[in-house]
Structure formats: C-alpha cells, structure tokens
Amino acid sequence: MKYKKHRVLRKIARLLKNFLSRRSVYIERAVEPQNIVNLVKKIRPVRTKFDLIRVGGASDGGYLLPDDLVDIEVCFSPGVAGTATFEMDLLQNWGIHSHLADFSVDRPPMSFQPISFTKKFIGTVNDDMFMTLDQWVRDRTDSVNTRDLLLQMDIEGWEYPTLLSTSEETLKKFRIIVLELHDIESWGHPHFFRIAEAFFAKLLTHFYVVHNHPNNFCGKINLGGFESPRVIEITLLRKDRSDVLGFCSQFPHHLDVPNVKKYPDFPLPTGWYEF
C-alpha cells in the first residue's frame, strides 16, 4: 500500500511538472542552506598588511581597496553607467589611468577622459557587441610590460561567465579586483549555484577576499533561512601581495557608506562572517 501511494505521488508530481513546463514554469529542489553557508565561508574577508582605503565617491561608484596601489599600470573598468568617480579618483590621487568599455553608452560619463573607451560589453565572445577580458587586456597592454593591473567590474551579472571564461594568465595580471556581485538570489537554484561555486573556486586560487559590503539599493533575500544581500561589492587582493593576518571582524567597515543614501541601509548579515 505504501509503495502504491508513493508511485501515485510521483505520477502526480510528474504530471504537474509537465503541465507547468508547458507554461514556461519550472520547479526544482532549492539548494540546501548549509551548502550556501559553506560557500560563504570560503569568501569570508581576511585582513592583510594593507589597510583599506576608499577610492571614488561617498556613494555608489566608490569602493574600498587595499592600500596597495603603487606601481599599478592601469585600471580596466567595464560597465560605465553614469559615473566615473572611481576612475577620476585613481587618476587624480594615484596617477592611474583607466580603460573603459560599455556597449550601452556612447561615451565616458562626467566628461571623464579615459586612456581608451571601447563601445562593447565585456563577455565570453568577440564580436560586434562583445569582447572577452582576455582580448581587451591583450589589445590595451604591452606584452613586455610586467606591471600589475587593476580590475573594477560592474556588468550586471555577466561577471560570472566573463571571469569563468577568462584565462588564469590574464586574471593573474590583476593585483586587485573589485566586483559588483549580482544575482545572489539565484544561488538557491542548483544549476546557478554550481556556477557560483566554480566562479569562486577560480578566483580564490590566486586571490583573497579582503572586503565585502551590501548594496543597499538592491535589498535582501532569504535563501531557505540564510539571509543575504541581493548584491554585494567584493574586493580581492592577489595572494602574493600579503600574508593573511586573520579574519575581518568589523562590519560595516568605518569607510563604508550606503550606495544610495535615500534608501534604508543595512549591515552585512552576520551569517556572512559569524561561523
């Protein structure tokens, strides 16, 4: 009797999934919250010998970086939007020029003059609309020059496939990587979660996470009891630049500010750093 009941329930579930899939609705078991916690543990920010400094404006467009900018050759900054306070600050205070790229705009914002502007998205292929990070770096750097680079990337979710498709040779050219990390609500979906795991496995091979901060404009999400920002700013430092001195314990950092001041701010949920 019990076996027969189980078969009936499976048949009902199969019929329901088929009914919904014909209407472009799909059902699958969510990722276990503990698996998400295990991933978050790997990206818990660490302290290094470099203090954090704020580069850019006191709102969206400004980021916290390790104070290790001396001798960086240039910044690559895909995803232009309407502000260039980060790139302007790099140039004015550290003499670091920037390469910008974005297909959605025709020119750099705020009358900022980068060393180059490419009207393309940065992604996984090279065509009329897209360019890979590998190709962009090859086109804009001297192959003989060994000075480090900086990457500041805000490309609305394309960071996952773009960096996964980038060669390790190119990634290791960057001393510091600053990312706007999107689509965290999708970490609850098994297929996307595997992408997120692979994404961080690749980055953490050569980099430490040294800072993260919620984007207050995008709000929070609950993933089976695990509270998380929908979007975070995350800063990484290449491992050869410093040993790890311990884990960060102050959240928010005293230099953090809300991305959008008219929206309620919230700190990084404790599940991101208390284990």
Protein backbone atom coordinates (compact mmCIF):
# COMPACT_ATOMS: atom_id res chain seq x y z
CA MET A 1 0.00 0.00 0.00
CA LYS A 2 2.78 2.40 0.94
CA TYR A 3 4.65 1.63 -2.30
CA LYS A 4 1.49 2.20 -4.36
CA LYS A 5 0.88 5.56 -2.66
CA HIS A 6 4.46 6.60 -3.43
CA ARG A 7 4.00 5.71 -7.12
CA VAL A 8 0.80 7.76 -7.28
CA LEU A 9 2.50 10.79 -5.73
CA ARG A 10 5.41 10.52 -8.17
CA LYS A 11 2.98 10.34 -11.09
CA ILE A 12 1.10 13.42 -9.83
CA ALA A 13 4.39 15.31 -9.43
CA ARG A 14 5.46 14.35 -12.97
CA LEU A 15 2.14 15.46 -14.44
CA LEU A 16 2.33 18.75 -12.52
CA LYS A 17 5.87 19.44 -13.72
CA ASN A 18 4.87 18.70 -17.32
CA PHE A 19 1.83 20.95 -17.01
CA LEU A 20 3.89 23.83 -15.63
CA SER A 21 6.81 23.38 -18.05
CA ARG A 22 4.43 23.86 -20.99
CA ARG A 23 3.76 27.28 -19.46
CA SER A 24 7.48 28.01 -19.00
CA VAL A 25 7.32 27.41 -15.25
CA TYR A 26 9.92 25.04 -13.79
CA ILE A 27 10.14 23.51 -10.32
CA GLU A 28 13.27 22.08 -8.72
CA ARG A 29 14.53 21.47 -5.21
CA ALA A 30 16.38 24.51 -3.84
CA VAL A 31 19.99 24.37 -2.72
CA GLU A 32 20.34 23.39 0.93
CA PRO A 33 21.08 26.49 3.05
CA GLN A 34 24.13 24.77 4.57
CA ASN A 35 25.68 24.49 1.12
CA ILE A 36 25.29 28.24 0.67
CA VAL A 37 26.85 28.78 4.11
CA ASN A 38 29.78 26.58 3.11
CA LEU A 39 30.37 28.74 0.03
CA VAL A 40 30.09 31.97 2.00
CA LYS A 41 32.69 30.66 4.48
CA LYS A 42 35.20 30.48 1.64
CA ILE A 43 34.74 34.15 0.80
CA ARG A 44 34.86 35.48 4.35
CA PRO A 45 37.02 38.65 4.17
CA VAL A 46 40.53 38.46 5.60
CA ARG A 47 42.92 41.07 6.97
CA THR A 48 46.25 41.68 5.26
CA LYS A 49 49.18 44.02 5.89
CA PHE A 50 47.37 46.68 3.84
CA ASP A 51 44.74 48.91 5.41
CA LEU A 52 41.63 49.56 3.35
CA ILE A 53 41.14 52.94 1.71
CA ARG A 54 38.14 54.39 -0.10
CA VAL A 55 38.52 55.20 -3.77
CA GLY A 56 35.77 57.11 -5.57
CA GLY A 57 32.74 58.94 -4.25
CA ALA A 58 30.94 58.61 -0.95
CA SER A 59 28.08 56.68 -2.58
CA ASP A 60 27.56 54.28 -5.49
CA GLY A 61 30.73 54.24 -7.58
CA GLY A 62 33.12 54.32 -4.62
CA TYR A 63 34.84 51.18 -3.33
CA LEU A 64 37.17 50.02 -0.58
CA LEU A 65 40.56 48.78 -1.78
CA PRO A 66 43.73 47.65 -0.02
CA ASP A 67 46.26 50.48 0.21
CA ASP A 68 48.47 48.78 -2.36
CA LEU A 69 48.09 50.92 -5.48
CA VAL A 70 51.69 52.00 -6.03
CA ASP A 71 53.08 50.92 -9.42
CA ILE A 72 49.77 49.69 -10.79
CA GLU A 73 49.95 50.43 -14.50
CA VAL A 74 46.30 50.93 -15.42
CA CYS A 75 42.70 50.13 -14.44
CA PHE A 76 40.30 48.15 -16.62
CA SER A 77 36.75 49.24 -15.87
CA PRO A 78 33.91 47.50 -17.75
CA GLY A 79 30.39 48.72 -17.07
CA VAL A 80 30.41 52.50 -17.32
CA ALA A 81 26.89 53.64 -16.35
CA GLY A 82 26.63 57.30 -15.34
CA THR A 83 29.53 57.89 -13.00
CA ALA A 84 33.32 57.75 -13.15
CA THR A 85 34.24 58.96 -9.66
CA PHE A 86 36.30 55.81 -9.06
CA GLU A 87 38.37 56.26 -12.20
CA MET A 88 38.73 60.02 -11.62
CA ASP A 89 39.99 59.43 -8.09
CA LEU A 90 42.51 56.83 -9.32
CA LEU A 91 43.87 59.32 -11.83
CA GLN A 92 43.94 62.38 -9.59
CA ASN A 93 45.40 60.76 -6.48
CA TRP A 94 47.45 57.82 -7.79
CA GLY A 95 48.15 58.71 -11.41
CA ILE A 96 46.42 55.51 -12.58
CA HIS A 97 44.69 55.85 -15.96
CA SER A 98 41.70 53.72 -16.96
CA HIS A 99 40.39 51.79 -19.94
CA LEU A 100 36.57 51.85 -20.08
CA ALA A 101 34.17 49.59 -22.00
CA ASP A 102 30.39 49.54 -22.32
CA PHE A 103 28.17 48.93 -25.34
CA SER A 104 25.15 50.62 -23.72
CA VAL A 105 26.64 54.14 -23.77
CA ASP A 106 28.34 56.19 -26.48
CA ARG A 107 30.96 57.95 -24.40
CA PRO A 108 32.53 58.07 -20.92
CA PRO A 109 30.43 59.80 -18.25
CA MET A 110 31.05 63.10 -16.45
CA SER A 111 33.37 64.42 -19.18
CA PHE A 112 35.96 61.94 -17.90
CA GLN A 113 38.77 61.27 -20.37
CA PRO A 114 39.96 57.66 -20.06
CA ILE A 115 43.04 56.43 -21.84
CA SER A 116 40.61 54.50 -24.06
CA PHE A 117 36.87 53.84 -24.40
CA THR A 118 35.57 50.73 -26.19
CA LYS A 119 31.90 50.60 -27.15
CA LYS A 120 31.47 46.91 -26.34
CA PHE A 121 30.25 44.76 -23.49
CA ILE A 122 32.84 42.56 -21.82
CA GLY A 123 31.71 38.95 -22.00
CA THR A 124 32.57 35.50 -23.33
CA VAL A 125 32.93 36.05 -27.10
CA ASN A 126 34.48 38.53 -29.51
CA ASP A 127 32.01 40.05 -31.95
CA ASP A 128 30.45 43.40 -32.84
CA MET A 129 28.85 43.80 -29.41
CA PHE A 130 31.07 41.79 -27.04
CA MET A 131 34.73 41.41 -26.23
CA THR A 132 36.41 38.97 -23.86
CA LEU A 133 38.52 40.22 -20.99
CA ASP A 134 41.46 38.33 -22.45
CA GLN A 135 41.15 40.15 -25.77
CA TRP A 136 40.64 43.54 -24.13
CA VAL A 137 43.75 43.18 -21.97
CA ARG A 138 45.83 41.96 -24.93
CA ASP A 139 44.71 44.90 -27.04
CA ARG A 140 45.40 47.51 -24.39
CA THR A 141 48.63 46.38 -22.72
CA ASP A 142 52.22 45.86 -23.75
CA SER A 143 53.04 42.15 -23.67
CA VAL A 144 56.55 43.02 -22.47
CA ASN A 145 55.32 45.18 -19.59
CA THR A 146 55.06 43.22 -16.33
CA ARG A 147 53.46 45.91 -14.13
CA ASP A 148 50.24 44.93 -12.36
CA LEU A 149 46.75 45.93 -13.41
CA LEU A 150 43.52 46.74 -11.55
CA LEU A 151 40.05 45.47 -12.48
CA GLN A 152 36.84 47.23 -11.43
CA MET A 153 33.84 45.35 -12.83
CA ASP A 154 30.12 46.13 -12.61
CA ILE A 155 28.47 44.30 -15.50
CA GLU A 156 25.06 43.27 -14.14
CA GLY A 157 25.55 39.53 -13.66
CA TRP A 158 27.92 38.95 -16.58
CA GLU A 159 30.79 38.77 -14.08
CA TYR A 160 30.15 35.02 -13.62
CA PRO A 161 30.55 33.81 -17.23
CA THR A 162 33.09 36.50 -18.09
CA LEU A 163 35.60 35.66 -15.36
CA LEU A 164 34.99 31.91 -15.68
CA SER A 165 35.97 32.18 -19.35
CA THR A 166 39.00 34.39 -18.65
CA SER A 167 42.41 32.71 -18.71
CA GLU A 168 44.36 32.41 -15.48
CA GLU A 169 47.23 34.18 -17.22
CA THR A 170 45.06 37.27 -17.63
CA LEU A 171 43.50 37.08 -14.16
CA LYS A 172 46.93 36.98 -12.51
CA LYS A 173 47.84 40.26 -14.20
CA PHE A 174 45.40 41.99 -11.85
CA ARG A 175 46.75 42.88 -8.42
CA ILE A 176 43.32 43.98 -7.20
CA ILE A 177 39.85 43.04 -8.42
CA VAL A 178 36.74 44.96 -7.37
CA LEU A 179 33.42 43.35 -8.29
CA GLU A 180 29.79 44.23 -8.01
CA LEU A 181 28.44 40.71 -7.42
CA HIS A 182 24.87 40.25 -8.67
CA ASP A 183 22.18 37.57 -8.70
CA ILE A 184 22.87 36.18 -5.23
CA GLU A 185 19.18 35.25 -5.01
CA SER A 186 19.92 32.74 -7.78
CA TRP A 187 22.39 30.89 -5.55
CA GLY A 188 19.34 28.98 -4.32
CA HIS A 189 18.95 27.35 -7.74
CA PRO A 190 21.13 24.22 -8.13
CA HIS A 191 22.39 24.97 -11.63
CA PHE A 192 23.32 28.56 -10.85
CA PHE A 193 24.84 27.55 -7.53
CA ARG A 194 27.30 25.28 -9.34
CA ILE A 195 28.29 28.27 -11.47
CA ALA A 196 28.84 30.38 -8.34
CA GLU A 197 30.96 27.61 -6.79
CA ALA A 198 33.12 27.36 -9.91
CA PHE A 199 33.37 31.14 -10.10
CA PHE A 200 34.81 31.46 -6.60
CA ALA A 201 36.95 28.34 -6.89
CA LYS A 202 38.70 30.02 -9.80
CA LEU A 203 39.10 33.41 -8.15
CA LEU A 204 40.22 32.03 -4.78
CA THR A 205 43.04 30.10 -6.42
CA HIS A 206 45.01 33.33 -6.73
CA PHE A 207 43.13 35.93 -4.65
CA TYR A 208 41.98 36.65 -1.09
CA VAL A 209 38.67 38.37 -0.40
CA VAL A 210 39.56 41.44 1.68
CA HIS A 211 36.24 43.28 1.80
CA ASN A 212 32.57 42.94 1.08
CA HIS A 213 29.69 45.34 1.51
CA PRO A 214 25.95 45.05 0.72
CA ASN A 215 24.46 47.27 -1.96
CA ASN A 216 21.55 48.80 -0.03
CA PHE A 217 19.68 49.78 -3.20
CA CYS A 218 19.03 46.13 -4.08
CA GLY A 219 17.76 44.93 -0.71
CA LYS A 220 17.98 41.49 0.91
CA ILE A 221 16.89 37.94 0.13
CA ASN A 222 16.15 34.92 2.33
CA LEU A 223 17.51 31.66 0.94
CA GLY A 224 15.88 28.94 3.00
CA GLY A 225 16.65 30.79 6.23
CA PHE A 226 20.02 32.20 5.12
CA GLU A 227 19.76 36.00 4.96
CA SER A 228 21.81 37.67 2.25
CA PRO A 229 22.08 40.89 0.26
CA ARG A 230 20.93 40.53 -3.32
CA VAL A 231 24.08 42.37 -4.49
CA ILE A 232 27.41 42.89 -2.75
CA GLU A 233 30.59 44.79 -3.50
CA ILE A 234 33.55 42.48 -3.12
CA THR A 235 37.27 43.31 -3.23
CA LEU A 236 40.02 40.77 -3.87
CA LEU A 237 43.79 41.03 -3.47
CA ARG A 238 46.24 38.73 -5.24
CA LYS A 239 47.77 36.31 -2.76
CA ASP A 240 51.41 37.13 -3.46
CA ARG A 241 50.92 40.68 -2.12
CA SER A 242 50.47 39.77 1.56
CA ASP A 243 50.05 37.02 4.09
CA VAL A 244 46.71 36.64 5.86
CA LEU A 245 46.67 38.22 9.34
CA GLY A 246 43.26 36.94 10.37
CA PHE A 247 39.60 37.42 9.53
CA CYS A 248 37.86 40.79 9.32
CA SER A 249 35.55 41.36 12.27
CA GLN A 250 34.20 44.90 11.79
CA PHE A 251 31.08 45.10 9.62
CA PRO A 252 30.45 47.58 8.19
CA HIS A 253 33.96 48.96 7.80
CA HIS A 254 34.23 52.53 9.07
CA LEU A 255 34.78 53.74 5.48
CA ASP A 256 31.67 52.00 4.11
CA VAL A 257 28.75 54.23 3.11
CA PRO A 258 25.29 53.44 1.66
CA ASN A 259 25.26 53.08 -2.11
CA VAL A 260 22.08 55.12 -2.35
CA LYS A 261 21.52 57.43 0.61
CA LYS A 262 17.76 57.82 0.18
CA TYR A 263 17.22 54.06 0.68
CA PRO A 264 17.45 52.34 4.08
CA ASP A 265 20.93 50.99 4.78
CA PHE A 266 21.61 47.61 6.34
CA PRO A 267 24.78 45.89 7.56
CA LEU A 268 26.20 42.68 6.16
CA PRO A 269 24.10 39.90 7.75
CA THR A 270 26.00 38.01 10.45
CA GLY A 271 25.64 34.75 8.52
CA TRP A 272 28.30 36.09 6.18
CA TYR A 273 31.03 36.26 8.82
CA GLU A 274 29.99 34.57 12.08
CA PHE A 275 30.61 30.80 11.85
